[in-house]
Amino acid sequence: MMKHKKKQLKMNLQHFSEKTLYELKQNMTTVGQQLKKVENDLASAAIDTSKTTEDIQALQKSRDDLKMRFDVIKKQHDEMEAEQRAQFEQNNDVKTIEDPNARKVKAKAELVRSVIRQEPLSGDVKAALGDDDTTGGGKFLPKTVSTDIIVEPYSKNQLRDLSTFTQITNLEIPKLNFTLDDDDFIQDKETAKELEATGDTVTFERHKFKVFAGVSETVLNGSDANLVSHIDRSLQSGVAAKEKKVAFTEAPKTGEEHMSFYSTQNDITVVEEDTLYQAIKRSIADLHEDYRENAQIVMSYKDYSDIIETLANGNATLYSAQPEQILGKPVTFSDSAVHPVIGDFSYSHYNYDLNVLYDRDKDVKTGIEQFVITAWMDHQIKLKSAFRIAKVTPTT
């Protein structure tokens, strides 16, 4: 009840001050017009020889009186306007917002605007975004924003629901989830040979990439919610596109060969058959049971449609069946998968370095401002023997 009364009193005071400020503006206008008229009359009287000294002195007295009244009203107006502006800014300050989600959105918007306009970022904004300032301010993206962009699952990269994602600096992990005191427990000879050749641990590297989010002046000056939504969506889309590109490219960049399923450096076993359907089925069977149990298929929708069209042969019932019923394992569609990849995707692991940088740039051709993040990422296929690639046997 007390909280409601305080809120009502605050609303009443705000309404009263707004009304008073409006009245002061009207009074300033009225007195200002009268003052201007008297000043014009005084200028005319000064050159009119028919006017007496007393007439001119009376106009001067009237002018001085109106000038004094105008100055008093203007001072009241300016003080009240400054007070209201300060109150408005205080009410919109990050630290005064009670709702955590609203405070986070406000802080994110302030971060973007400050970076684009090259203004210093306040400590309240950093605190609201979870930055403990251990870096000394720098160009490091606050933890909350970094996590939202990089770690949170995002549907545009289909591997987000399959692969492992972490955000740990200098990450090093074992390739196997568990070990026994006797190495003979590894029944899969292919896995045993791989561990003997490459070791039993994976050390993650740092590969830098940038994502640019274009921001127009309209969006920048718009609502906090629209600005934050636009920036998050743009950056998440860019990060997702990078993740898919490194995992499925057939021509990886120098130094990134180990990230791609199709890289000759990884040398993942390729299973070839006369049809893609047969190649996928045999790939599943070719996996050791430890991997087959949790195996999934990542393939393009076009390849799946071709399989269904061939198998159906005029039978419409197959078109309504679930992909898992047709191929025997859960299917995830991604146009980036130029050849179906079959395996236990828990052995596909993305890791991001904790330190994500932010900066700004400008597209001089379009005039669009760019909010830029620089991140370091690595994709490790922890065990190649956990995967197969299905292909159609080339015709000779």
Protein backbone atom coordinates (compact mmCIF):
# COMPACT_ATOMS: atom_id res chain seq x y z
CA MET A 1 0.00 0.00 0.00
CA MET A 2 2.81 2.42 0.96
CA LYS A 3 4.64 1.65 -2.31
CA HIS A 4 1.45 2.40 -4.29
CA LYS A 5 0.96 5.73 -2.49
CA LYS A 6 4.55 6.78 -3.19
CA LYS A 7 4.13 5.90 -6.84
CA GLN A 8 0.86 7.88 -7.05
CA LEU A 9 2.45 10.89 -5.29
CA LYS A 10 5.37 10.77 -7.74
CA MET A 11 2.93 10.75 -10.67
CA ASN A 12 0.99 13.68 -9.23
CA LEU A 13 4.16 15.74 -8.69
CA GLN A 14 5.35 14.93 -12.20
CA HIS A 15 1.97 16.01 -13.64
CA PHE A 16 2.06 19.26 -11.60
CA SER A 17 5.61 20.13 -12.67
CA GLU A 18 4.84 19.41 -16.33
CA LYS A 19 1.75 21.66 -16.15
CA THR A 20 3.75 24.45 -14.44
CA LEU A 21 6.53 24.21 -17.00
CA TYR A 22 3.98 24.47 -19.80
CA GLU A 23 2.42 27.55 -18.17
CA LEU A 24 5.85 29.13 -17.78
CA LYS A 25 6.50 28.62 -21.50
CA GLN A 26 3.18 30.34 -22.29
CA ASN A 27 3.97 33.23 -19.92
CA MET A 28 7.43 33.65 -21.49
CA THR A 29 5.82 33.86 -24.91
CA THR A 30 3.21 36.40 -23.78
CA VAL A 31 5.62 38.66 -21.91
CA GLY A 32 8.19 38.33 -24.68
CA GLN A 33 5.72 39.53 -27.28
CA GLN A 34 4.75 42.51 -25.09
CA LEU A 35 8.41 43.34 -24.51
CA LYS A 36 9.14 43.27 -28.22
CA LYS A 37 6.17 45.58 -28.93
CA VAL A 38 7.28 48.12 -26.30
CA GLU A 39 10.86 48.06 -27.60
CA ASN A 40 9.53 48.79 -31.11
CA ASP A 41 7.36 51.61 -29.74
CA LEU A 42 10.34 53.03 -27.87
CA ALA A 43 12.51 52.97 -31.01
CA SER A 44 9.76 54.78 -32.95
CA ALA A 45 9.21 57.37 -30.17
CA ALA A 46 12.92 58.16 -30.02
CA ILE A 47 12.85 59.54 -33.55
CA ASP A 48 9.35 61.05 -33.33
CA THR A 49 9.74 64.79 -32.51
CA SER A 50 6.11 65.00 -31.38
CA LYS A 51 6.86 62.67 -28.46
CA THR A 52 7.82 64.33 -25.19
CA THR A 53 10.58 63.29 -22.86
CA GLU A 54 7.95 62.03 -20.43
CA ASP A 55 6.49 59.77 -23.16
CA ILE A 56 9.89 58.24 -23.88
CA GLN A 57 10.67 57.79 -20.17
CA ALA A 58 7.30 56.05 -19.68
CA LEU A 59 8.10 53.62 -22.51
CA GLN A 60 11.57 53.02 -21.05
CA LYS A 61 10.02 52.27 -17.65
CA SER A 62 7.51 49.91 -19.25
CA ARG A 63 10.33 48.17 -21.20
CA ASP A 64 12.46 47.73 -18.07
CA ASP A 65 9.50 46.35 -16.14
CA LEU A 66 8.67 43.81 -18.85
CA LYS A 67 12.36 42.89 -19.22
CA MET A 68 12.58 42.19 -15.50
CA ARG A 69 9.41 40.08 -15.60
CA PHE A 70 10.68 38.13 -18.65
CA ASP A 71 14.05 37.43 -16.95
CA VAL A 72 12.32 36.17 -13.77
CA ILE A 73 10.00 33.86 -15.71
CA LYS A 74 12.88 32.60 -17.92
CA LYS A 75 15.01 31.81 -14.87
CA GLN A 76 12.15 29.81 -13.32
CA HIS A 77 11.57 28.03 -16.63
CA ASP A 78 15.24 27.12 -17.15
CA GLU A 79 15.65 25.83 -13.58
CA MET A 80 12.51 23.69 -13.79
CA GLU A 81 13.44 22.36 -17.22
CA ALA A 82 16.95 21.40 -16.01
CA GLU A 83 15.45 19.71 -12.96
CA GLN A 84 13.05 17.68 -15.08
CA ARG A 85 15.81 16.73 -17.52
CA ALA A 86 18.00 15.54 -14.64
CA GLN A 87 15.09 13.56 -13.20
CA PHE A 88 14.40 11.97 -16.58
CA GLU A 89 18.04 10.99 -17.02
CA GLN A 90 18.13 9.58 -13.49
CA ASN A 91 14.98 7.52 -14.13
CA ASN A 92 16.60 6.14 -17.28
CA ASP A 93 19.93 5.41 -15.60
CA VAL A 94 20.96 1.75 -15.81
CA LYS A 95 21.44 1.33 -12.08
CA THR A 96 17.92 2.61 -11.27
CA ILE A 97 16.13 0.00 -13.43
CA GLU A 98 14.77 -2.77 -11.19
CA ASP A 99 13.88 -5.38 -13.83
CA PRO A 100 17.09 -7.40 -14.57
CA ASN A 101 16.11 -8.03 -18.20
CA ALA A 102 15.25 -4.37 -18.84
CA ARG A 103 18.49 -3.30 -17.13
CA LYS A 104 20.48 -5.70 -19.33
CA VAL A 105 18.83 -4.43 -22.53
CA LYS A 106 19.43 -0.81 -21.50
CA ALA A 107 23.08 -1.54 -20.70
CA LYS A 108 23.63 -3.38 -23.99
CA ALA A 109 22.13 -0.47 -25.91
CA GLU A 110 24.38 2.00 -24.06
CA LEU A 111 27.39 -0.19 -24.87
CA VAL A 112 26.63 -0.18 -28.61
CA ARG A 113 25.90 3.55 -28.74
CA SER A 114 29.05 4.40 -26.77
CA VAL A 115 31.24 2.28 -29.06
CA ILE A 116 29.72 3.68 -32.26
CA ARG A 117 29.95 7.27 -31.01
CA GLN A 118 33.40 6.68 -29.51
CA GLU A 119 32.26 7.79 -26.07
CA PRO A 120 33.54 6.38 -22.75
CA LEU A 121 31.53 3.54 -21.25
CA SER A 122 30.20 4.20 -17.75
CA GLY A 123 31.01 1.91 -14.85
CA ASP A 124 27.28 1.33 -14.23
CA VAL A 125 26.86 -0.10 -17.74
CA LYS A 126 29.87 -2.39 -17.30
CA ALA A 127 28.58 -3.57 -13.95
CA ALA A 128 25.13 -4.30 -15.38
CA LEU A 129 26.74 -6.43 -18.10
CA GLY A 130 28.83 -8.44 -15.63
CA ASP A 131 32.21 -6.85 -16.31
CA ASP A 132 34.35 -7.02 -13.18
CA ASP A 133 36.82 -4.59 -14.78
CA THR A 134 39.77 -6.94 -14.24
CA THR A 135 41.00 -6.00 -17.69
CA GLY A 136 41.20 -2.34 -16.80
CA GLY A 137 38.45 -1.26 -19.16
CA GLY A 138 40.13 -1.97 -22.50
CA LYS A 139 38.27 -3.26 -25.48
CA PHE A 140 37.06 -6.50 -23.94
CA LEU A 141 33.42 -7.32 -24.42
CA PRO A 142 31.59 -7.69 -21.08
CA LYS A 143 30.83 -11.28 -20.07
CA THR A 144 27.04 -11.05 -20.46
CA VAL A 145 27.23 -9.80 -24.06
CA SER A 146 30.01 -12.23 -24.97
CA THR A 147 28.00 -15.17 -23.62
CA ASP A 148 24.79 -14.12 -25.38
CA ILE A 149 26.58 -13.89 -28.72
CA ILE A 150 28.93 -16.85 -28.55
CA VAL A 151 27.82 -19.48 -26.04
CA GLU A 152 24.03 -19.36 -26.12
CA PRO A 153 22.59 -21.87 -28.62
CA TYR A 154 21.43 -20.28 -31.83
CA SER A 155 19.28 -22.17 -34.33
CA LYS A 156 21.08 -20.93 -37.44
CA ASN A 157 24.00 -23.25 -36.79
CA GLN A 158 22.47 -26.72 -36.74
CA LEU A 159 25.55 -28.14 -34.98
CA ARG A 160 24.66 -26.07 -31.91
CA ASP A 161 22.26 -28.84 -30.87
CA LEU A 162 24.78 -31.62 -31.58
CA SER A 163 28.35 -30.52 -30.93
CA THR A 164 29.96 -29.53 -27.64
CA PHE A 165 30.45 -25.79 -27.00
CA THR A 166 32.66 -24.23 -24.32
CA GLN A 167 34.26 -20.87 -23.54
CA ILE A 168 37.51 -21.68 -21.74
CA THR A 169 40.96 -20.17 -22.24
CA ASN A 170 43.82 -22.61 -22.99
CA LEU A 171 41.48 -25.60 -22.98
CA GLU A 172 43.02 -29.07 -22.99
CA ILE A 173 40.84 -32.16 -22.60
CA PRO A 174 41.11 -35.97 -22.90
CA LYS A 175 39.80 -37.47 -26.13
CA LEU A 176 37.95 -40.22 -24.26
CA ASN A 177 35.33 -39.51 -21.62
CA PHE A 178 36.70 -42.24 -19.38
CA THR A 179 39.65 -44.63 -19.24
CA LEU A 180 40.47 -47.89 -17.47
CA ASP A 181 43.73 -49.10 -16.04
CA ASP A 182 43.98 -51.51 -18.95
CA ASP A 183 44.18 -50.04 -22.47
CA ASP A 184 42.70 -53.25 -23.85
CA PHE A 185 39.23 -51.96 -22.89
CA ILE A 186 39.20 -50.04 -26.19
CA GLN A 187 37.45 -52.52 -28.45
CA ASP A 188 37.55 -50.34 -31.56
CA LYS A 189 40.92 -50.98 -33.22
CA GLU A 190 40.53 -47.82 -35.31
CA THR A 191 40.23 -45.72 -32.15
CA ALA A 192 43.17 -47.48 -30.52
CA LYS A 193 45.37 -46.77 -33.54
CA GLU A 194 44.26 -43.12 -33.62
CA LEU A 195 45.08 -42.60 -29.95
CA GLU A 196 48.46 -44.27 -30.40
CA ALA A 197 49.23 -42.01 -33.38
CA THR A 198 47.87 -38.68 -32.10
CA GLY A 199 47.88 -38.98 -28.31
CA ASP A 200 45.00 -39.10 -25.85
CA THR A 201 44.49 -35.35 -25.28
CA VAL A 202 43.24 -32.46 -27.39
CA THR A 203 44.74 -28.97 -27.08
CA PHE A 204 42.57 -26.17 -28.43
CA GLU A 205 44.10 -23.38 -30.46
CA ARG A 206 43.05 -19.75 -31.07
CA HIS A 207 41.89 -18.72 -34.53
CA LYS A 208 40.81 -15.10 -34.86
CA PHE A 209 37.78 -13.93 -36.81
CA LYS A 210 35.68 -10.77 -36.96
CA VAL A 211 31.93 -10.24 -37.26
CA PHE A 212 30.50 -6.90 -38.44
CA ALA A 213 26.99 -5.78 -37.48
CA GLY A 214 25.79 -2.87 -39.61
CA VAL A 215 23.89 -0.17 -37.70
CA SER A 216 22.00 2.63 -39.42
CA GLU A 217 21.44 5.98 -37.74
CA THR A 218 17.72 5.19 -37.47
CA VAL A 219 18.35 1.96 -35.56
CA LEU A 220 21.04 3.59 -33.41
CA ASN A 221 18.66 6.35 -32.30
CA GLY A 222 15.68 4.01 -31.99
CA SER A 223 14.46 2.05 -29.00
CA ASP A 224 16.86 0.08 -26.81
CA ALA A 225 14.98 -3.17 -27.50
CA ASN A 226 15.16 -2.83 -31.29
CA LEU A 227 18.84 -1.84 -31.22
CA VAL A 228 19.87 -4.73 -28.95
CA SER A 229 17.76 -7.23 -30.89
CA HIS A 230 19.32 -6.10 -34.19
CA ILE A 231 22.89 -6.27 -32.87
CA ASP A 232 22.45 -9.65 -31.14
CA ARG A 233 20.76 -11.20 -34.17
CA SER A 234 23.42 -9.90 -36.57
CA LEU A 235 26.36 -11.01 -34.46
CA GLN A 236 24.85 -14.41 -33.65
CA SER A 237 24.18 -15.00 -37.35
CA GLY A 238 27.78 -14.11 -38.19
CA VAL A 239 29.19 -16.39 -35.50
CA ALA A 240 26.91 -19.24 -36.61
CA ALA A 241 27.97 -18.80 -40.23
CA LYS A 242 31.66 -18.98 -39.21
CA GLU A 243 31.06 -22.13 -37.17
CA LYS A 244 29.37 -23.91 -40.06
CA LYS A 245 31.93 -22.71 -42.59
CA VAL A 246 34.97 -24.08 -40.76
CA ALA A 247 33.26 -27.42 -40.07
CA PHE A 248 31.99 -28.17 -43.59
CA THR A 249 34.34 -26.40 -45.99
CA GLU A 250 36.14 -28.56 -48.54
CA ALA A 251 38.83 -25.87 -48.96
CA PRO A 252 39.82 -24.78 -45.43
CA LYS A 253 42.12 -21.84 -44.80
CA THR A 254 45.74 -22.51 -43.95
CA GLY A 255 45.92 -23.39 -40.27
CA GLU A 256 42.23 -24.30 -40.09
CA GLU A 257 42.43 -27.67 -41.87
CA HIS A 258 41.81 -29.63 -38.66
CA MET A 259 38.41 -27.95 -38.19
CA SER A 260 36.71 -29.42 -41.27
CA PHE A 261 35.09 -32.84 -41.45
CA TYR A 262 36.09 -32.99 -45.11
CA SER A 263 39.75 -32.06 -44.65
CA THR A 264 42.33 -34.55 -45.88
CA GLN A 265 44.26 -33.73 -42.69
CA ASN A 266 41.52 -35.35 -40.61
CA ASP A 267 41.24 -38.25 -43.05
CA ILE A 268 37.81 -39.32 -41.80
CA THR A 269 36.78 -42.64 -43.32
CA VAL A 270 34.72 -42.21 -46.50
CA VAL A 271 32.10 -44.85 -47.23
CA GLU A 272 31.16 -45.12 -50.91
CA GLU A 273 28.21 -47.01 -52.38
CA ASP A 274 26.16 -46.95 -55.58
CA THR A 275 23.50 -44.76 -53.89
CA LEU A 276 23.67 -42.23 -51.09
CA TYR A 277 21.04 -44.19 -49.15
CA GLN A 278 23.26 -47.28 -49.18
CA ALA A 279 26.32 -45.23 -48.27
CA ILE A 280 24.56 -43.72 -45.22
CA LYS A 281 23.23 -47.07 -44.05
CA ARG A 282 26.65 -48.70 -44.36
CA SER A 283 28.30 -45.71 -42.65
CA ILE A 284 26.07 -46.27 -39.62
CA ALA A 285 26.88 -49.98 -39.61
CA ASP A 286 30.60 -49.25 -40.07
CA LEU A 287 30.77 -47.19 -36.88
CA HIS A 288 31.84 -49.00 -33.73
CA GLU A 289 28.93 -49.60 -31.38
CA ASP A 290 30.33 -47.09 -28.87
CA TYR A 291 29.72 -44.36 -31.48
CA ARG A 292 26.78 -45.92 -33.30
CA GLU A 293 24.65 -45.76 -30.15
CA ASN A 294 24.61 -41.92 -30.21
CA ALA A 295 25.17 -41.43 -33.92
CA GLN A 296 23.36 -38.74 -35.87
CA ILE A 297 23.30 -37.74 -39.52
CA VAL A 298 23.99 -34.22 -40.79
CA MET A 299 23.11 -33.80 -44.45
CA SER A 300 21.58 -31.35 -46.91
CA TYR A 301 17.83 -31.39 -47.45
CA LYS A 302 18.43 -31.75 -51.19
CA ASP A 303 20.32 -35.03 -50.66
CA TYR A 304 17.53 -36.32 -48.42
CA SER A 305 14.85 -35.34 -50.96
CA ASP A 306 16.72 -37.21 -53.70
CA ILE A 307 16.87 -40.31 -51.48
CA ILE A 308 13.13 -40.15 -50.74
CA GLU A 309 12.27 -39.66 -54.40
CA THR A 310 14.32 -42.71 -55.37
CA LEU A 311 12.97 -44.91 -52.57
CA ALA A 312 9.34 -43.84 -52.95
CA ASN A 313 9.09 -44.68 -56.64
CA GLY A 314 5.55 -43.32 -56.72
CA ASN A 315 4.66 -44.35 -53.14
CA ALA A 316 3.50 -41.19 -51.36
CA THR A 317 3.63 -42.67 -47.84
CA LEU A 318 7.42 -42.31 -47.63
CA TYR A 319 7.17 -38.54 -48.01
CA SER A 320 5.30 -38.26 -44.71
CA ALA A 321 7.66 -40.53 -42.77
CA GLN A 322 10.18 -39.10 -40.32
CA PRO A 323 13.78 -39.02 -41.61
CA GLU A 324 14.88 -41.23 -38.69
CA GLN A 325 12.41 -43.89 -39.81
CA ILE A 326 13.93 -43.85 -43.28
CA LEU A 327 17.63 -43.70 -42.45
CA GLY A 328 17.70 -45.33 -39.02
CA LYS A 329 19.26 -42.43 -37.10
CA PRO A 330 18.20 -38.84 -36.22
CA VAL A 331 18.78 -36.44 -39.10
CA THR A 332 19.78 -32.77 -38.94
CA PHE A 333 19.56 -30.78 -42.16
CA SER A 334 22.26 -28.31 -43.12
CA ASP A 335 22.92 -27.11 -46.66
CA SER A 336 26.57 -26.65 -45.63
CA ALA A 337 26.98 -30.44 -45.46
CA VAL A 338 28.00 -31.10 -49.08
CA HIS A 339 28.38 -34.79 -48.17
CA PRO A 340 26.44 -36.46 -45.33
CA VAL A 341 28.45 -36.73 -42.09
CA ILE A 342 27.47 -39.59 -39.80
CA GLY A 343 28.75 -40.07 -36.26
CA ASP A 344 28.69 -39.16 -32.59
CA PHE A 345 28.81 -35.36 -32.66
CA SER A 346 29.75 -35.08 -29.00
CA TYR A 347 33.26 -35.60 -30.40
CA SER A 348 32.85 -32.38 -32.39
CA HIS A 349 33.92 -29.64 -29.99
CA TYR A 350 33.93 -25.85 -30.40
CA ASN A 351 35.81 -23.72 -27.89
CA TYR A 352 35.94 -19.93 -27.66
CA ASP A 353 38.58 -17.91 -25.92
CA LEU A 354 37.17 -15.88 -23.03
CA ASN A 355 38.48 -12.54 -24.28
CA VAL A 356 36.21 -11.14 -26.99
CA LEU A 357 37.04 -7.64 -28.26
CA TYR A 358 34.67 -4.94 -29.47
CA ASP A 359 35.35 -2.05 -31.80
CA ARG A 360 33.70 0.10 -34.46
CA ASP A 361 34.19 0.68 -38.16
CA LYS A 362 32.35 2.52 -40.91
CA ASP A 363 31.39 1.42 -44.39
CA VAL A 364 32.40 4.51 -46.37
CA LYS A 365 30.42 3.32 -49.39
CA THR A 366 27.07 3.19 -47.60
CA GLY A 367 27.72 5.37 -44.56
CA ILE A 368 26.54 2.55 -42.27
CA GLU A 369 28.29 2.27 -38.92
CA GLN A 370 29.64 -1.15 -37.96
CA PHE A 371 29.69 -2.66 -34.46
CA VAL A 372 32.55 -5.15 -34.65
CA ILE A 373 33.53 -8.08 -32.46
CA THR A 374 36.79 -9.99 -32.67
CA ALA A 375 36.70 -13.52 -31.27
CA TRP A 376 39.02 -16.50 -31.09
CA MET A 377 37.57 -19.94 -31.81
CA ASP A 378 38.71 -23.48 -32.50
CA HIS A 379 36.84 -26.57 -33.69
CA GLN A 380 38.41 -29.89 -32.82
CA ILE A 381 37.18 -33.27 -34.03
CA LYS A 382 38.32 -35.11 -30.92
CA LEU A 383 38.11 -38.58 -32.46
CA LYS A 384 38.02 -39.02 -36.24
CA SER A 385 37.02 -42.66 -35.80
CA ALA A 386 33.70 -41.48 -34.35
CA PHE A 387 32.63 -40.24 -37.82
CA ARG A 388 32.02 -41.42 -41.37
CA ILE A 389 31.40 -39.49 -44.59
CA ALA A 390 28.92 -40.97 -47.06
CA LYS A 391 29.50 -40.58 -50.80
CA VAL A 392 28.25 -42.06 -54.03
CA THR A 393 30.81 -44.18 -55.87
CA PRO A 394 32.09 -42.17 -58.83
CA THR A 395 31.07 -43.52 -62.21
CA THR A 396 33.92 -44.43 -64.53
